[in-house]
Amino acid sequence: YSLTPGNPCFIDDQTYQDLVDAHIMFKNMDADRYLTAAGIAADWPFGRGCYVSADKRAIIWVGEEDHLRIMCMQTGTVLGDVFDRLKTTLDLVEEIDGLAFAYSADYGVVTSCPTNLGTGMRASLHIPLPGLTADGTDARVKALARPLGLSVRGVGGEHTPIGADGTVDLSPRARFCVTEAEILVRLYDGIRLLAAEESKVGENSPGAPG
């Protein structure tokens, strides 16, 4: 899907919005005040767009906040499968002639946002926590997740609200001075803790079997 007029894969405004709503294409960066303030939202270059695999479990954004953002996803609980698919996708991209990832011996993968330096990898999952978010906010979830080094976001990404059913986006904050394996372990630990706390809320709620 291309955002460049004249490209054989160019899409119209309605198709673009449909892809954004489906969380396949990135949003118009001009609407993000943080990216605008950083000076990387406007003056879209030619070539912006995204690649989507046939099974829609691998997506590559081209020309968004970074030159490339490679995402792999699936429904389920086996995070290792997603990680393996990501590694395969990265290897395929690096095999393209004339293309190499920007890498610093001191800081790791070079990215537009300093918080992504290091591994450059963000591992996240969407998990429904209706009990812990019964007040309509993610404050309680954040209080539990913070000591584990985890970030809590809305289902639409950073600066978006939680889902109507209490679904939140959970991910380790650290990308720098950690390994990819450590990121996954922290995510597993967070899931275990939050699931246990959610169960406690259910057990103590009115009408729960006593």
Protein backbone atom coordinates (compact mmCIF):
# COMPACT_ATOMS: atom_id res chain seq x y z
CA TYR A 1 0.00 0.00 0.00
CA SER A 2 1.64 3.24 -1.16
CA LEU A 3 0.94 6.85 -0.19
CA THR A 4 2.87 8.17 -3.19
CA PRO A 5 0.68 9.39 -6.12
CA GLY A 6 1.57 7.59 -9.33
CA ASN A 7 2.80 4.46 -7.57
CA PRO A 8 1.06 1.29 -8.87
CA CYS A 9 0.08 0.48 -5.28
CA PHE A 10 -1.24 3.98 -4.47
CA ILE A 11 -4.36 3.98 -2.29
CA ASP A 12 -7.14 6.54 -2.04
CA ASP A 13 -8.13 8.42 1.12
CA GLN A 14 -10.91 6.00 2.07
CA THR A 15 -8.69 2.93 1.73
CA TYR A 16 -6.01 4.69 3.76
CA GLN A 17 -8.47 5.47 6.56
CA ASP A 18 -9.79 1.90 6.52
CA LEU A 19 -6.24 0.60 6.97
CA VAL A 20 -5.60 3.07 9.81
CA ASP A 21 -8.81 1.99 11.55
CA ALA A 22 -7.70 -1.65 11.21
CA HIS A 23 -4.31 -0.76 12.79
CA ILE A 24 -2.52 -1.81 9.60
CA MET A 25 -1.37 1.60 8.32
CA PHE A 26 0.13 4.37 10.45
CA LYS A 27 -1.87 7.51 11.22
CA ASN A 28 -1.33 10.91 9.65
CA MET A 29 1.71 12.11 11.55
CA ASP A 30 0.67 15.76 11.23
CA ALA A 31 -2.03 15.02 13.82
CA ASP A 32 0.57 13.92 16.40
CA ARG A 33 1.71 16.98 18.35
CA TYR A 34 4.72 15.12 19.75
CA LEU A 35 6.08 14.17 16.33
CA THR A 36 5.24 17.63 15.00
CA ALA A 37 7.20 19.25 17.85
CA ALA A 38 10.14 16.97 17.03
CA GLY A 39 10.08 18.16 13.42
CA ILE A 40 9.58 14.74 11.82
CA ALA A 41 5.87 14.80 11.00
CA ALA A 42 5.61 17.04 7.93
CA ASP A 43 7.19 16.97 4.46
CA TRP A 44 6.33 13.35 3.78
CA PRO A 45 8.93 11.78 1.49
CA PHE A 46 8.11 9.71 -1.56
CA GLY A 47 7.88 6.01 -0.82
CA ARG A 48 5.81 6.16 2.36
CA GLY A 49 3.43 3.28 2.85
CA CYS A 50 3.32 -0.24 4.24
CA TYR A 51 3.79 -3.87 3.30
CA VAL A 52 1.38 -6.48 4.66
CA SER A 53 1.97 -10.23 4.47
CA ALA A 54 -0.74 -12.45 3.02
CA ASP A 55 -1.75 -13.71 6.48
CA LYS A 56 -1.59 -10.14 7.90
CA ARG A 57 0.72 -11.29 10.69
CA ALA A 58 3.70 -9.27 9.45
CA ILE A 59 3.56 -5.56 8.65
CA ILE A 60 6.36 -3.20 7.61
CA TRP A 61 5.78 0.55 7.83
CA VAL A 62 7.97 2.54 5.46
CA GLY A 63 8.74 6.21 6.14
CA GLU A 64 6.84 6.71 9.38
CA GLU A 65 8.67 7.90 12.53
CA ASP A 66 11.59 5.66 11.54
CA HIS A 67 12.59 4.61 8.03
CA LEU A 68 11.31 1.10 8.74
CA ARG A 69 9.12 -0.28 11.48
CA ILE A 70 8.76 -4.06 11.31
CA MET A 71 5.90 -5.66 13.24
CA CYS A 72 4.87 -9.26 13.74
CA MET A 73 1.73 -10.28 15.61
CA GLN A 74 -0.68 -13.07 16.31
CA THR A 75 -3.54 -14.00 18.61
CA GLY A 76 -2.58 -16.32 21.44
CA THR A 77 -0.14 -16.69 24.31
CA VAL A 78 2.99 -18.19 22.71
CA LEU A 79 5.22 -15.11 22.50
CA GLY A 80 8.16 -17.18 21.27
CA ASP A 81 6.40 -17.86 17.97
CA VAL A 82 6.02 -14.13 17.32
CA PHE A 83 9.67 -13.52 18.19
CA ASP A 84 10.79 -16.26 15.78
CA ARG A 85 8.72 -14.73 12.98
CA LEU A 86 10.21 -11.32 13.69
CA LYS A 87 13.75 -12.71 13.50
CA THR A 88 12.96 -14.36 10.15
CA THR A 89 11.48 -11.12 8.80
CA LEU A 90 14.49 -9.08 9.92
CA ASP A 91 16.85 -11.54 8.25
CA LEU A 92 14.89 -11.31 4.98
CA VAL A 93 14.97 -7.50 5.03
CA GLU A 94 18.72 -7.45 5.68
CA GLU A 95 19.26 -9.65 2.63
CA ILE A 96 18.04 -6.82 0.37
CA ASP A 97 20.99 -5.42 -1.60
CA GLY A 98 22.05 -1.95 -0.50
CA LEU A 99 20.02 -2.00 2.70
CA ALA A 100 21.45 -2.22 6.21
CA PHE A 101 20.07 -1.27 9.60
CA ALA A 102 21.67 1.77 11.28
CA TYR A 103 23.62 0.42 14.24
CA SER A 104 25.96 2.01 16.78
CA ALA A 105 28.55 -0.04 18.64
CA ASP A 106 27.85 2.09 21.73
CA TYR A 107 24.08 2.61 21.56
CA GLY A 108 22.74 -0.30 19.53
CA VAL A 109 20.03 0.19 16.93
CA VAL A 110 19.71 3.86 15.94
CA THR A 111 16.13 5.18 16.03
CA SER A 112 14.34 8.53 15.80
CA CYS A 113 13.14 8.32 19.40
CA PRO A 114 15.94 7.91 22.00
CA THR A 115 13.71 5.61 24.09
CA ASN A 116 14.02 2.95 21.37
CA LEU A 117 17.83 2.93 21.27
CA GLY A 118 19.46 -0.38 22.13
CA THR A 119 17.48 -3.37 20.93
CA GLY A 120 14.98 -1.18 19.07
CA MET A 121 12.41 -3.84 19.95
CA ARG A 122 9.08 -3.25 21.64
CA ALA A 123 7.25 -6.41 22.69
CA SER A 124 3.64 -5.85 23.70
CA LEU A 125 0.32 -7.58 24.09
CA HIS A 126 -3.32 -6.64 24.54
CA ILE A 127 -4.85 -8.11 27.67
CA PRO A 128 -8.37 -7.52 29.05
CA LEU A 129 -8.37 -6.52 32.71
CA PRO A 130 -11.99 -5.50 33.40
CA GLY A 131 -11.66 -5.85 37.17
CA LEU A 132 -8.52 -3.75 37.52
CA THR A 133 -9.98 -1.09 35.20
CA ALA A 134 -13.50 -1.10 36.62
CA ASP A 135 -13.19 2.62 37.42
CA GLY A 136 -12.70 3.36 33.71
CA THR A 137 -8.98 4.14 34.04
CA ASP A 138 -5.71 2.24 33.87
CA ALA A 139 -4.35 3.83 37.07
CA ARG A 140 -4.46 0.61 39.08
CA VAL A 141 -2.82 -1.39 36.28
CA LYS A 142 -0.05 1.19 35.96
CA ALA A 143 0.62 1.07 39.70
CA LEU A 144 1.10 -2.70 39.51
CA ALA A 145 3.10 -2.63 36.28
CA ARG A 146 5.49 0.20 37.11
CA PRO A 147 7.67 -1.72 39.62
CA LEU A 148 8.18 -4.39 36.96
CA GLY A 149 9.42 -1.83 34.44
CA LEU A 150 6.31 -2.15 32.28
CA SER A 151 4.39 0.50 30.37
CA VAL A 152 0.61 0.52 30.04
CA ARG A 153 -1.04 2.14 27.01
CA GLY A 154 -4.41 2.29 25.36
CA VAL A 155 -5.28 -0.22 22.65
CA GLY A 156 -4.71 2.41 19.94
CA GLY A 157 -1.13 3.03 21.03
CA GLU A 158 0.52 5.79 22.99
CA HIS A 159 -1.75 8.57 24.29
CA THR A 160 -4.96 6.61 23.53
CA PRO A 161 -7.65 5.35 25.94
CA ILE A 162 -8.05 1.79 27.20
CA GLY A 163 -10.55 -0.49 25.49
CA ALA A 164 -14.22 -0.42 26.44
CA ASP A 165 -13.82 -3.93 27.89
CA GLY A 166 -10.80 -2.94 29.97
CA THR A 167 -8.21 -4.11 27.46
CA VAL A 168 -4.80 -2.47 27.82
CA ASP A 169 -1.53 -2.62 25.91
CA LEU A 170 1.30 -3.91 28.10
CA SER A 171 5.00 -3.68 27.21
CA PRO A 172 8.43 -3.48 28.91
CA ARG A 173 9.75 0.10 28.99
CA ALA A 174 13.45 -0.69 28.59
CA ARG A 175 15.01 -1.16 25.15
CA PHE A 176 18.50 -0.01 26.16
CA CYS A 177 21.00 -2.11 28.18
CA VAL A 178 18.75 -5.18 27.96
CA THR A 179 18.60 -8.14 25.61
CA GLU A 180 15.65 -9.20 23.51
CA ALA A 181 15.26 -12.29 25.71
CA GLU A 182 15.10 -10.12 28.84
CA ILE A 183 12.35 -8.04 27.26
CA LEU A 184 10.23 -11.14 26.70
CA VAL A 185 10.86 -12.42 30.24
CA ARG A 186 9.71 -9.10 31.71
CA LEU A 187 6.56 -9.27 29.62
CA TYR A 188 5.83 -12.81 30.80
CA ASP A 189 6.36 -11.73 34.42
CA GLY A 190 3.98 -8.83 33.96
CA ILE A 191 1.28 -11.04 32.48
CA ARG A 192 1.59 -13.47 35.38
CA LEU A 193 1.29 -10.73 38.01
CA LEU A 194 -1.60 -8.87 36.38
CA ALA A 195 -3.53 -12.06 35.70
CA ALA A 196 -3.19 -13.00 39.38
CA GLU A 197 -4.33 -9.56 40.54
CA GLU A 198 -7.27 -9.64 38.11
CA SER A 199 -8.31 -13.01 39.56
CA LYS A 200 -8.24 -11.55 43.07
CA VAL A 201 -10.56 -8.74 41.98
CA GLY A 202 -12.98 -11.28 40.54
CA GLU A 203 -12.91 -13.36 43.72
CA ASN A 204 -13.65 -10.32 45.88
CA SER A 205 -16.32 -8.75 43.67
CA PRO A 206 -19.99 -8.73 44.77
CA GLY A 207 -21.75 -11.87 43.62
CA ALA A 208 -18.56 -13.93 43.41
CA PRO A 209 -18.94 -17.47 44.78
CA GLY A 210 -17.96 -17.55 48.44
